[in-house]
Amino acid sequence: MRRPGLILIPLATLLLPGCVARTVAGVVTAPVRVVSQGADWATTSQDEADRARGREIRRREERLGELQEDYERLERRCLDGNDRACREAVALRAEMDELRQGIPLEPED
């Protein structure tokens, strides 16, 4: 009964070293891979930061455009003598000025 097992042992030693080596290498490098993956998740790449900054600038520009339209409408009403429209226009202008600070200036050609 022991003879078939004894025959398989030398055969297994020829076939298993590659598998064992790969397993050992996988176990040894696993902590390094886990740490590097954690670092990837914890940090933002420059490309990701640039895309996020671009989205934020576009959002501010869109909001600024909406405020500009509202401001022009309120300004017309203000010129017609509507005091409430004048107060609202002043508040909108303050919000617009604050938004402009976060939008970079385009260089002139």
PDB file of N, CA and C in Angstrom:
ATOM      1  N   MET A   1       0.793  -1.190   0.000  1.00  0.00           N
ATOM      2  CA  MET A   1       0.000   0.000   0.000  1.00  0.00           C
ATOM      3  C   MET A   1       0.840   1.260   0.000  1.00  0.00           C
ATOM      4  N   ARG A   2       1.995   1.178   0.593  1.00  0.00           N
ATOM      5  CA  ARG A   2       2.842   2.358   0.656  1.00  0.00           C
ATOM      6  C   ARG A   2       3.611   2.562  -0.630  1.00  0.00           C
ATOM      7  N   ARG A   3       3.730   1.587  -1.416  1.00  0.00           N
ATOM      8  CA  ARG A   3       4.525   1.703  -2.630  1.00  0.00           C
ATOM      9  C   ARG A   3       3.976   2.750  -3.599  1.00  0.00           C
ATOM     10  N   PRO A   4       2.663   2.842  -3.876  1.00  0.00           N
ATOM     11  CA  PRO A   4       2.199   3.882  -4.798  1.00  0.00           C
ATOM     12  C   PRO A   4       2.501   5.283  -4.266  1.00  0.00           C
ATOM     13  N   GLY A   5       2.409   5.465  -2.969  1.00  0.00           N
ATOM     14  CA  GLY A   5       2.717   6.764  -2.381  1.00  0.00           C
ATOM     15  C   GLY A   5       4.193   7.093  -2.514  1.00  0.00           C
ATOM     16  N   LEU A   6       5.036   6.112  -2.378  1.00  0.00           N
ATOM     17  CA  LEU A   6       6.469   6.330  -2.504  1.00  0.00           C
ATOM     18  C   LEU A   6       6.854   6.669  -3.937  1.00  0.00           C
ATOM     19  N   ILE A   7       6.140   6.131  -4.879  1.00  0.00           N
ATOM     20  CA  ILE A   7       6.429   6.432  -6.273  1.00  0.00           C
ATOM     21  C   ILE A   7       5.997   7.863  -6.612  1.00  0.00           C
ATOM     22  N   LEU A   8       4.940   8.320  -6.021  1.00  0.00           N
ATOM     23  CA  LEU A   8       4.421   9.657  -6.302  1.00  0.00           C
ATOM     24  C   LEU A   8       5.280  10.766  -5.692  1.00  0.00           C
ATOM     25  N   ILE A   9       5.993  10.472  -4.617  1.00  0.00           N
ATOM     26  CA  ILE A   9       6.790  11.511  -3.948  1.00  0.00           C
ATOM     27  C   ILE A   9       7.888  12.045  -4.864  1.00  0.00           C
ATOM     28  N   PRO A  10       8.710  11.230  -5.502  1.00  0.00           N
ATOM     29  CA  PRO A  10       9.722  11.794  -6.396  1.00  0.00           C
ATOM     30  C   PRO A  10       9.098  12.538  -7.583  1.00  0.00           C
ATOM     31  N   LEU A  11       7.972  12.017  -8.066  1.00  0.00           N
ATOM     32  CA  LEU A  11       7.287  12.676  -9.160  1.00  0.00           C
ATOM     33  C   LEU A  11       6.774  14.049  -8.714  1.00  0.00           C
ATOM     34  N   ALA A  12       6.236  14.112  -7.510  1.00  0.00           N
ATOM     35  CA  ALA A  12       5.708  15.372  -6.985  1.00  0.00           C
ATOM     36  C   ALA A  12       6.830  16.375  -6.761  1.00  0.00           C
ATOM     37  N   THR A  13       8.000  15.901  -6.333  1.00  0.00           N
ATOM     38  CA  THR A  13       9.106  16.834  -6.102  1.00  0.00           C
ATOM     39  C   THR A  13       9.604  17.450  -7.396  1.00  0.00           C
ATOM     40  N   LEU A  14       9.416  16.770  -8.503  1.00  0.00           N
ATOM     41  CA  LEU A  14       9.809  17.334  -9.783  1.00  0.00           C
ATOM     42  C   LEU A  14       8.786  18.363 -10.280  1.00  0.00           C
ATOM     43  N   LEU A  15       7.519  18.147  -9.968  1.00  0.00           N
ATOM     44  CA  LEU A  15       6.467  19.021 -10.471  1.00  0.00           C
ATOM     45  C   LEU A  15       6.159  20.203  -9.558  1.00  0.00           C
ATOM     46  N   LEU A  16       6.350  20.044  -8.270  1.00  0.00           N
ATOM     47  CA  LEU A  16       5.923  21.067  -7.327  1.00  0.00           C
ATOM     48  C   LEU A  16       6.879  22.240  -7.120  1.00  0.00           C
ATOM     49  N   PRO A  17       8.168  22.136  -7.343  1.00  0.00           N
ATOM     50  CA  PRO A  17       9.030  23.274  -7.027  1.00  0.00           C
ATOM     51  C   PRO A  17       8.595  24.578  -7.689  1.00  0.00           C
ATOM     52  N   GLY A  18       8.131  24.540  -8.926  1.00  0.00           N
ATOM     53  CA  GLY A  18       7.667  25.765  -9.575  1.00  0.00           C
ATOM     54  C   GLY A  18       6.446  26.333  -8.886  1.00  0.00           C
ATOM     55  N   CYS A  19       5.530  25.461  -8.525  1.00  0.00           N
ATOM     56  CA  CYS A  19       4.316  25.918  -7.837  1.00  0.00           C
ATOM     57  C   CYS A  19       4.659  26.468  -6.464  1.00  0.00           C
ATOM     58  N   VAL A  20       5.534  25.783  -5.759  1.00  0.00           N
ATOM     59  CA  VAL A  20       5.937  26.218  -4.420  1.00  0.00           C
ATOM     60  C   VAL A  20       6.671  27.555  -4.512  1.00  0.00           C
ATOM     61  N   ALA A  21       7.544  27.687  -5.491  1.00  0.00           N
ATOM     62  CA  ALA A  21       8.284  28.936  -5.646  1.00  0.00           C
ATOM     63  C   ALA A  21       7.338  30.088  -5.953  1.00  0.00           C
ATOM     64  N   ARG A  22       6.368  29.851  -6.812  1.00  0.00           N
ATOM     65  CA  ARG A  22       5.396  30.901  -7.126  1.00  0.00           C
ATOM     66  C   ARG A  22       4.567  31.259  -5.904  1.00  0.00           C
ATOM     67  N   THR A  23       4.175  30.259  -5.146  1.00  0.00           N
ATOM     68  CA  THR A  23       3.382  30.509  -3.945  1.00  0.00           C
ATOM     69  C   THR A  23       4.186  31.299  -2.926  1.00  0.00           C
ATOM     70  N   VAL A  24       5.439  30.905  -2.724  1.00  0.00           N
ATOM     71  CA  VAL A  24       6.302  31.613  -1.776  1.00  0.00           C
ATOM     72  C   VAL A  24       6.519  33.050  -2.242  1.00  0.00           C
ATOM     73  N   ALA A  25       6.762  33.227  -3.522  1.00  0.00           N
ATOM     74  CA  ALA A  25       6.954  34.581  -4.051  1.00  0.00           C
ATOM     75  C   ALA A  25       5.687  35.401  -3.876  1.00  0.00           C
ATOM     76  N   GLY A  26       4.538  34.788  -4.097  1.00  0.00           N
ATOM     77  CA  GLY A  26       3.271  35.494  -3.909  1.00  0.00           C
ATOM     78  C   GLY A  26       3.044  35.901  -2.466  1.00  0.00           C
ATOM     79  N   VAL A  27       3.387  35.003  -1.548  1.00  0.00           N
ATOM     80  CA  VAL A  27       3.222  35.300  -0.129  1.00  0.00           C
ATOM     81  C   VAL A  27       4.190  36.400   0.308  1.00  0.00           C
ATOM     82  N   VAL A  28       5.415  36.349  -0.196  1.00  0.00           N
ATOM     83  CA  VAL A  28       6.421  37.338   0.183  1.00  0.00           C
ATOM     84  C   VAL A  28       6.077  38.721  -0.372  1.00  0.00           C
ATOM     85  N   THR A  29       5.573  38.793  -1.587  1.00  0.00           N
ATOM     86  CA  THR A  29       5.287  40.097  -2.197  1.00  0.00           C
ATOM     87  C   THR A  29       3.901  40.630  -1.866  1.00  0.00           C
ATOM     88  N   ALA A  30       3.053  39.826  -1.254  1.00  0.00           N
ATOM     89  CA  ALA A  30       1.688  40.266  -0.941  1.00  0.00           C
ATOM     90  C   ALA A  30       1.664  41.525  -0.064  1.00  0.00           C
ATOM     91  N   PRO A  31       2.448  41.590   1.022  1.00  0.00           N
ATOM     92  CA  PRO A  31       2.400  42.810   1.840  1.00  0.00           C
ATOM     93  C   PRO A  31       2.811  44.065   1.060  1.00  0.00           C
ATOM     94  N   VAL A  32       3.782  43.923   0.172  1.00  0.00           N
ATOM     95  CA  VAL A  32       4.218  45.066  -0.629  1.00  0.00           C
ATOM     96  C   VAL A  32       3.094  45.510  -1.560  1.00  0.00           C
ATOM     97  N   ARG A  33       2.416  44.562  -2.177  1.00  0.00           N
ATOM     98  CA  ARG A  33       1.308  44.905  -3.067  1.00  0.00           C
ATOM     99  C   ARG A  33       0.164  45.565  -2.303  1.00  0.00           C
ATOM    100  N   VAL A  34      -0.122  45.068  -1.104  1.00  0.00           N
ATOM    101  CA  VAL A  34      -1.200  45.641  -0.295  1.00  0.00           C
ATOM    102  C   VAL A  34      -0.862  47.081   0.096  1.00  0.00           C
ATOM    103  N   VAL A  35       0.376  47.315   0.514  1.00  0.00           N
ATOM    104  CA  VAL A  35       0.787  48.663   0.904  1.00  0.00           C
ATOM    105  C   VAL A  35       0.757  49.607  -0.290  1.00  0.00           C
ATOM    106  N   SER A  36       1.241  49.158  -1.439  1.00  0.00           N
ATOM    107  CA  SER A  36       1.243  50.036  -2.609  1.00  0.00           C
ATOM    108  C   SER A  36      -0.177  50.326  -3.075  1.00  0.00           C
ATOM    109  N   GLN A  37      -1.081  49.354  -2.982  1.00  0.00           N
ATOM    110  CA  GLN A  37      -2.476  49.598  -3.347  1.00  0.00           C
ATOM    111  C   GLN A  37      -3.106  50.597  -2.386  1.00  0.00           C
ATOM    112  N   GLY A  38      -2.797  50.469  -1.114  1.00  0.00           N
ATOM    113  CA  GLY A  38      -3.296  51.426  -0.125  1.00  0.00           C
ATOM    114  C   GLY A  38      -2.777  52.824  -0.390  1.00  0.00           C
ATOM    115  N   ALA A  39      -1.516  52.924  -0.783  1.00  0.00           N
ATOM    116  CA  ALA A  39      -0.949  54.233  -1.112  1.00  0.00           C
ATOM    117  C   ALA A  39      -1.635  54.823  -2.340  1.00  0.00           C
ATOM    118  N   ASP A  40      -1.943  53.985  -3.329  1.00  0.00           N
ATOM    119  CA  ASP A  40      -2.670  54.463  -4.514  1.00  0.00           C
ATOM    120  C   ASP A  40      -4.046  55.003  -4.135  1.00  0.00           C
ATOM    121  N   TRP A  41      -4.725  54.296  -3.253  1.00  0.00           N
ATOM    122  CA  TRP A  41      -6.058  54.728  -2.846  1.00  0.00           C
ATOM    123  C   TRP A  41      -5.995  55.989  -1.987  1.00  0.00           C
ATOM    124  N   ALA A  42      -4.937  56.134  -1.211  1.00  0.00           N
ATOM    125  CA  ALA A  42      -4.836  57.262  -0.275  1.00  0.00           C
ATOM    126  C   ALA A  42      -4.358  58.542  -0.948  1.00  0.00           C
ATOM    127  N   THR A  43      -3.697  58.428  -2.065  1.00  0.00           N
ATOM    128  CA  THR A  43      -3.155  59.623  -2.718  1.00  0.00           C
ATOM    129  C   THR A  43      -3.899  59.910  -4.010  1.00  0.00           C
ATOM    130  N   THR A  44      -3.828  61.142  -4.421  1.00  0.00           N
ATOM    131  CA  THR A  44      -4.447  61.566  -5.669  1.00  0.00           C
ATOM    132  C   THR A  44      -3.342  61.849  -6.673  1.00  0.00           C
ATOM    133  N   SER A  45      -3.450  61.265  -7.835  1.00  0.00           N
ATOM    134  CA  SER A  45      -2.432  61.519  -8.847  1.00  0.00           C
ATOM    135  C   SER A  45      -2.611  62.931  -9.393  1.00  0.00           C
ATOM    136  N   GLN A  46      -1.591  63.432 -10.021  1.00  0.00           N
ATOM    137  CA  GLN A  46      -1.653  64.780 -10.588  1.00  0.00           C
ATOM    138  C   GLN A  46      -2.740  64.857 -11.652  1.00  0.00           C
ATOM    139  N   ASP A  47      -2.881  63.800 -12.429  1.00  0.00           N
ATOM    140  CA  ASP A  47      -3.908  63.767 -13.472  1.00  0.00           C
ATOM    141  C   ASP A  47      -5.305  63.859 -12.859  1.00  0.00           C
ATOM    142  N   GLU A  48      -5.532  63.100 -11.779  1.00  0.00           N
ATOM    143  CA  GLU A  48      -6.829  63.153 -11.107  1.00  0.00           C
ATOM    144  C   GLU A  48      -7.081  64.531 -10.518  1.00  0.00           C
ATOM    145  N   ALA A  49      -6.061  65.124  -9.930  1.00  0.00           N
ATOM    146  CA  ALA A  49      -6.192  66.462  -9.346  1.00  0.00           C
ATOM    147  C   ALA A  49      -6.495  67.495 -10.432  1.00  0.00           C
ATOM    148  N   ASP A  50      -5.839  67.371 -11.582  1.00  0.00           N
ATOM    149  CA  ASP A  50      -6.088  68.301 -12.692  1.00  0.00           C
ATOM    150  C   ASP A  50      -7.525  68.182 -13.197  1.00  0.00           C
ATOM    151  N   ARG A  51      -8.001  66.938 -13.319  1.00  0.00           N
ATOM    152  CA  ARG A  51      -9.375  66.738 -13.796  1.00  0.00           C
ATOM    153  C   ARG A  51     -10.383  67.317 -12.804  1.00  0.00           C
ATOM    154  N   ALA A  52     -10.131  67.095 -11.512  1.00  0.00           N
ATOM    155  CA  ALA A  52     -11.038  67.627 -10.494  1.00  0.00           C
ATOM    156  C   ALA A  52     -11.028  69.151 -10.506  1.00  0.00           C
ATOM    157  N   ARG A  53      -9.853  69.730 -10.665  1.00  0.00           N
ATOM    158  CA  ARG A  53      -9.744  71.202 -10.725  1.00  0.00           C
ATOM    159  C   ARG A  53     -10.479  71.741 -11.960  1.00  0.00           C
ATOM    160  N   GLY A  54     -10.352  71.071 -13.086  1.00  0.00           N
ATOM    161  CA  GLY A  54     -11.051  71.479 -14.299  1.00  0.00           C
ATOM    162  C   GLY A  54     -12.560  71.411 -14.131  1.00  0.00           C
ATOM    163  N   ARG A  55     -13.053  70.339 -13.485  1.00  0.00           N
ATOM    164  CA  ARG A  55     -14.492  70.220 -13.237  1.00  0.00           C
ATOM    165  C   ARG A  55     -14.977  71.355 -12.340  1.00  0.00           C
ATOM    166  N   GLU A  56     -14.194  71.664 -11.317  1.00  0.00           N
ATOM    167  CA  GLU A  56     -14.568  72.735 -10.391  1.00  0.00           C
ATOM    168  C   GLU A  56     -14.596  74.090 -11.105  1.00  0.00           C
ATOM    169  N   ILE A  57     -13.625  74.345 -11.954  1.00  0.00           N
ATOM    170  CA  ILE A  57     -13.592  75.612 -12.697  1.00  0.00           C
ATOM    171  C   ILE A  57     -14.784  75.707 -13.639  1.00  0.00           C
ATOM    172  N   ARG A  58     -15.108  74.605 -14.343  1.00  0.00           N
ATOM    173  CA  ARG A  58     -16.269  74.616 -15.241  1.00  0.00           C
ATOM    174  C   ARG A  58     -17.565  74.841 -14.475  1.00  0.00           C
ATOM    175  N   ARG A  59     -17.673  74.232 -13.283  1.00  0.00           N
ATOM    176  CA  ARG A  59     -18.865  74.419 -12.458  1.00  0.00           C
ATOM    177  C   ARG A  59     -18.997  75.886 -12.048  1.00  0.00           C
ATOM    178  N   ARG A  60     -17.888  76.492 -11.646  1.00  0.00           N
ATOM    179  CA  ARG A  60     -17.919  77.909 -11.256  1.00  0.00           C
ATOM    180  C   ARG A  60     -18.255  78.808 -12.443  1.00  0.00           C
ATOM    181  N   GLU A  61     -17.679  78.504 -13.597  1.00  0.00           N
ATOM    182  CA  GLU A  61     -17.973  79.312 -14.788  1.00  0.00           C
ATOM    183  C   GLU A  61     -19.443  79.211 -15.170  1.00  0.00           C
ATOM    184  N   GLU A  62     -20.011  78.019 -15.070  1.00  0.00           N
ATOM    185  CA  GLU A  62     -21.428  77.832 -15.379  1.00  0.00           C
ATOM    186  C   GLU A  62     -22.292  78.626 -14.400  1.00  0.00           C
ATOM    187  N   ARG A  63     -21.963  78.535 -13.126  1.00  0.00           N
ATOM    188  CA  ARG A  63     -22.715  79.290 -12.109  1.00  0.00           C
ATOM    189  C   ARG A  63     -22.561  80.794 -12.348  1.00  0.00           C
ATOM    190  N   LEU A  64     -21.372  81.224 -12.708  1.00  0.00           N
ATOM    191  CA  LEU A  64     -21.142  82.642 -12.980  1.00  0.00           C
ATOM    192  C   LEU A  64     -22.000  83.109 -14.157  1.00  0.00           C
ATOM    193  N   GLY A  65     -22.129  82.293 -15.180  1.00  0.00           N
ATOM    194  CA  GLY A  65     -22.981  82.630 -16.320  1.00  0.00           C
ATOM    195  C   GLY A  65     -24.438  82.772 -15.917  1.00  0.00           C
ATOM    196  N   GLU A  66     -24.913  81.858 -15.069  1.00  0.00           N
ATOM    197  CA  GLU A  66     -26.297  81.945 -14.587  1.00  0.00           C
ATOM    198  C   GLU A  66     -26.505  83.224 -13.776  1.00  0.00           C
ATOM    199  N   LEU A  67     -25.545  83.512 -12.899  1.00  0.00           N
ATOM    200  CA  LEU A  67     -25.653  84.726 -12.086  1.00  0.00           C
ATOM    201  C   LEU A  67     -25.614  85.986 -12.958  1.00  0.00           C
ATOM    202  N   GLN A  68     -24.808  85.960 -14.000  1.00  0.00           N
ATOM    203  CA  GLN A  68     -24.706  87.121 -14.897  1.00  0.00           C
ATOM    204  C   GLN A  68     -26.050  87.412 -15.554  1.00  0.00           C
ATOM    205  N   GLU A  69     -26.733  86.369 -16.012  1.00  0.00           N
ATOM    206  CA  GLU A  69     -28.057  86.553 -16.616  1.00  0.00           C
ATOM    207  C   GLU A  69     -29.045  87.134 -15.611  1.00  0.00           C
ATOM    208  N   ASP A  70     -29.048  86.571 -14.389  1.00  0.00           N
ATOM    209  CA  ASP A  70     -29.944  87.075 -13.349  1.00  0.00           C
ATOM    210  C   ASP A  70     -29.606  88.528 -12.990  1.00  0.00           C
ATOM    211  N   TYR A  71     -28.311  88.821 -12.936  1.00  0.00           N
ATOM    212  CA  TYR A  71     -27.872  90.175 -12.594  1.00  0.00           C
ATOM    213  C   TYR A  71     -28.350  91.184 -13.642  1.00  0.00           C
ATOM    214  N   GLU A  72     -28.214  90.838 -14.899  1.00  0.00           N
ATOM    215  CA  GLU A  72     -28.647  91.740 -15.974  1.00  0.00           C
ATOM    216  C   GLU A  72     -30.157  91.987 -15.910  1.00  0.00           C
ATOM    217  N   ARG A  73     -30.915  90.938 -15.609  1.00  0.00           N
ATOM    218  CA  ARG A  73     -32.369  91.075 -15.473  1.00  0.00           C
ATOM    219  C   ARG A  73     -32.703  92.000 -14.303  1.00  0.00           C
ATOM    220  N   LEU A  74     -32.029  91.766 -13.152  1.00  0.00           N
ATOM    221  CA  LEU A  74     -32.282  92.600 -11.975  1.00  0.00           C
ATOM    222  C   LEU A  74     -31.823  94.039 -12.198  1.00  0.00           C
ATOM    223  N   GLU A  75     -30.754  94.207 -12.931  1.00  0.00           N
ATOM    224  CA  GLU A  75     -30.243  95.550 -13.205  1.00  0.00           C
ATOM    225  C   GLU A  75     -31.258  96.353 -14.032  1.00  0.00           C
ATOM    226  N   ARG A  76     -31.883  95.700 -14.997  1.00  0.00           N
ATOM    227  CA  ARG A  76     -32.914  96.392 -15.795  1.00  0.00           C
ATOM    228  C   ARG A  76     -34.083  96.819 -14.902  1.00  0.00           C
ATOM    229  N   ARG A  77     -34.500  95.931 -14.012  1.00  0.00           N
ATOM    230  CA  ARG A  77     -35.598  96.260 -13.095  1.00  0.00           C
ATOM    231  C   ARG A  77     -35.189  97.392 -12.152  1.00  0.00           C
ATOM    232  N   CYS A  78     -33.936  97.342 -11.724  1.00  0.00           N
ATOM    233  CA  CYS A  78     -33.428  98.384 -10.822  1.00  0.00           C
ATOM    234  C   CYS A  78     -33.469  99.749 -11.513  1.00  0.00           C
ATOM    235  N   LEU A  79     -33.055  99.765 -12.764  1.00  0.00           N
ATOM    236  CA  LEU A  79     -33.070 101.021 -13.518  1.00  0.00           C
ATOM    237  C   LEU A  79     -34.494 101.537 -13.747  1.00  0.00           C
ATOM    238  N   ASP A  80     -35.472 100.622 -13.698  1.00  0.00           N
ATOM    239  CA  ASP A  80     -36.873 101.011 -13.829  1.00  0.00           C
ATOM    240  C   ASP A  80     -37.449 101.512 -12.503  1.00  0.00           C
ATOM    241  N   GLY A  81     -36.636 101.475 -11.437  1.00  0.00           N
ATOM    242  CA  GLY A  81     -37.080 102.018 -10.155  1.00  0.00           C
ATOM    243  C   GLY A  81     -37.447 100.985  -9.112  1.00  0.00           C
ATOM    244  N   ASN A  82     -37.181  99.727  -9.334  1.00  0.00           N
ATOM    245  CA  ASN A  82     -37.508  98.668  -8.371  1.00  0.00           C
ATOM    246  C   ASN A  82     -36.373  98.560  -7.346  1.00  0.00           C
ATOM    247  N   ASP A  83     -36.638  99.027  -6.105  1.00  0.00           N
ATOM    248  CA  ASP A  83     -35.607  99.022  -5.054  1.00  0.00           C
ATOM    249  C   ASP A  83     -35.212  97.605  -4.631  1.00  0.00           C
ATOM    250  N   ARG A  84     -36.184  96.716  -4.593  1.00  0.00           N
ATOM    251  CA  ARG A  84     -35.892  95.326  -4.212  1.00  0.00           C
ATOM    252  C   ARG A  84     -34.932  94.699  -5.228  1.00  0.00           C
ATOM    253  N   ALA A  85     -35.150  94.935  -6.511  1.00  0.00           N
ATOM    254  CA  ALA A  85     -34.272  94.413  -7.559  1.00  0.00           C
ATOM    255  C   ALA A  85     -32.861  94.976  -7.394  1.00  0.00           C
ATOM    256  N   CYS A  86     -32.765  96.239  -6.960  1.00  0.00           N
ATOM    257  CA  CYS A  86     -31.436  96.842  -6.742  1.00  0.00           C
ATOM    258  C   CYS A  86     -30.691  96.110  -5.627  1.00  0.00           C
ATOM    259  N   ARG A  87     -31.390  95.813  -4.518  1.00  0.00           N
ATOM    260  CA  ARG A  87     -30.756  95.090  -3.401  1.00  0.00           C
ATOM    261  C   ARG A  87     -30.338  93.681  -3.834  1.00  0.00           C
ATOM    262  N   GLU A  88     -31.201  93.001  -4.583  1.00  0.00           N
ATOM    263  CA  GLU A  88     -30.875  91.653  -5.060  1.00  0.00           C
ATOM    264  C   GLU A  88     -29.698  91.698  -6.041  1.00  0.00           C
ATOM    265  N   ALA A  89     -29.650  92.725  -6.873  1.00  0.00           N
ATOM    266  CA  ALA A  89     -28.546  92.858  -7.833  1.00  0.00           C
ATOM    267  C   ALA A  89     -27.225  93.051  -7.097  1.00  0.00           C
ATOM    268  N   VAL A  90     -27.240  93.828  -6.014  1.00  0.00           N
ATOM    269  CA  VAL A  90     -26.019  94.037  -5.226  1.00  0.00           C
ATOM    270  C   VAL A  90     -25.562  92.714  -4.609  1.00  0.00           C
ATOM    271  N   ALA A  91     -26.501  91.925  -4.090  1.00  0.00           N
ATOM    272  CA  ALA A  91     -26.151  90.625  -3.496  1.00  0.00           C
ATOM    273  C   ALA A  91     -25.596  89.678  -4.561  1.00  0.00           C
ATOM    274  N   LEU A  92     -26.215  89.666  -5.738  1.00  0.00           N
ATOM    275  CA  LEU A  92     -25.721  88.813  -6.825  1.00  0.00           C
ATOM    276  C   LEU A  92     -24.324  89.242  -7.262  1.00  0.00           C
ATOM    277  N   ARG A  93     -24.113  90.547  -7.327  1.00  0.00           N
ATOM    278  CA  ARG A  93     -22.804  91.060  -7.738  1.00  0.00           C
ATOM    279  C   ARG A  93     -21.715  90.606  -6.758  1.00  0.00           C
ATOM    280  N   ALA A  94     -22.031  90.596  -5.470  1.00  0.00           N
ATOM    281  CA  ALA A  94     -21.067  90.135  -4.459  1.00  0.00           C
ATOM    282  C   ALA A  94     -20.754  88.650  -4.656  1.00  0.00           C
ATOM    283  N   GLU A  95     -21.784  87.853  -4.929  1.00  0.00           N
ATOM    284  CA  GLU A  95     -21.559  86.421  -5.172  1.00  0.00           C
ATOM    285  C   GLU A  95     -20.727  86.208  -6.438  1.00  0.00           C
ATOM    286  N   MET A  96     -21.004  87.008  -7.464  1.00  0.00           N
ATOM    287  CA  MET A  96     -20.248  86.899  -8.709  1.00  0.00           C
ATOM    288  C   MET A  96     -18.774  87.253  -8.486  1.00  0.00           C
ATOM    289  N   ASP A  97     -18.525  88.302  -7.714  1.00  0.00           N
ATOM    290  CA  ASP A  97     -17.141  88.706  -7.435  1.00  0.00           C
ATOM    291  C   ASP A  97     -16.391  87.613  -6.682  1.00  0.00           C
ATOM    292  N   GLU A  98     -17.087  86.959  -5.761  1.00  0.00           N
ATOM    293  CA  GLU A  98     -16.457  85.873  -5.005  1.00  0.00           C
ATOM    294  C   GLU A  98     -16.146  84.678  -5.906  1.00  0.00           C
ATOM    295  N   LEU A  99     -17.066  84.349  -6.797  1.00  0.00           N
ATOM    296  CA  LEU A  99     -16.842  83.236  -7.725  1.00  0.00           C
ATOM    297  C   LEU A  99     -15.679  83.524  -8.675  1.00  0.00           C
ATOM    298  N   ARG A 100     -15.562  84.752  -9.105  1.00  0.00           N
ATOM    299  CA  ARG A 100     -14.485  85.114 -10.047  1.00  0.00           C
ATOM    300  C   ARG A 100     -13.102  84.876  -9.448  1.00  0.00           C
ATOM    301  N   GLN A 101     -12.986  84.972  -8.145  1.00  0.00           N
ATOM    302  CA  GLN A 101     -11.688  84.755  -7.497  1.00  0.00           C
ATOM    303  C   GLN A 101     -11.197  83.322  -7.685  1.00  0.00           C
ATOM    304  N   GLY A 102     -12.107  82.371  -7.825  1.00  0.00           N
ATOM    305  CA  GLY A 102     -11.724  80.971  -7.983  1.00  0.00           C
ATOM    306  C   GLY A 102     -11.556  80.527  -9.421  1.00  0.00           C
ATOM    307  N   ILE A 103     -11.740  81.451 -10.361  1.00  0.00           N
ATOM    308  CA  ILE A 103     -11.611  81.105 -11.782  1.00  0.00           C
ATOM    309  C   ILE A 103     -10.328  81.741 -12.294  1.00  0.00           C
ATOM    310  N   PRO A 104      -9.385  80.939 -12.803  1.00  0.00           N
ATOM    311  CA  PRO A 104      -8.134  81.516 -13.291  1.00  0.00           C
ATOM    312  C   PRO A 104      -8.361  82.371 -14.540  1.00  0.00           C
ATOM    313  N   LEU A 105      -7.556  83.390 -14.663  1.00  0.00           N
ATOM    314  CA  LEU A 105      -7.649  84.272 -15.829  1.00  0.00           C
ATOM    315  C   LEU A 105      -6.991  83.627 -17.028  1.00  0.00           C
ATOM    316  N   GLU A 106      -7.621  83.764 -18.165  1.00  0.00           N
ATOM    317  CA  GLU A 106      -7.051  83.268 -19.420  1.00  0.00           C
ATOM    318  C   GLU A 106      -6.043  84.291 -19.929  1.00  0.00           C
ATOM    319  N   PRO A 107      -4.852  83.866 -20.337  1.00  0.00           N
ATOM    320  CA  PRO A 107      -3.891  84.810 -20.870  1.00  0.00           C
ATOM    321  C   PRO A 107      -4.379  85.380 -22.195  1.00  0.00           C
ATOM    322  N   GLU A 108      -4.138  86.665 -22.375  1.00  0.00           N
ATOM    323  CA  GLU A 108      -4.542  87.302 -23.632  1.00  0.00           C
ATOM    324  C   GLU A 108      -3.508  87.007 -24.696  1.00  0.00           C
ATOM    325  N   ASP A 109      -3.958  86.816 -25.925  1.00  0.00           N
ATOM    326  CA  ASP A 109      -3.040  86.498 -27.045  1.00  0.00           C
ATOM    327  C   ASP A 109      -2.360  87.734 -27.553  1.00  0.00           C
TER     328      ASP A 109
END
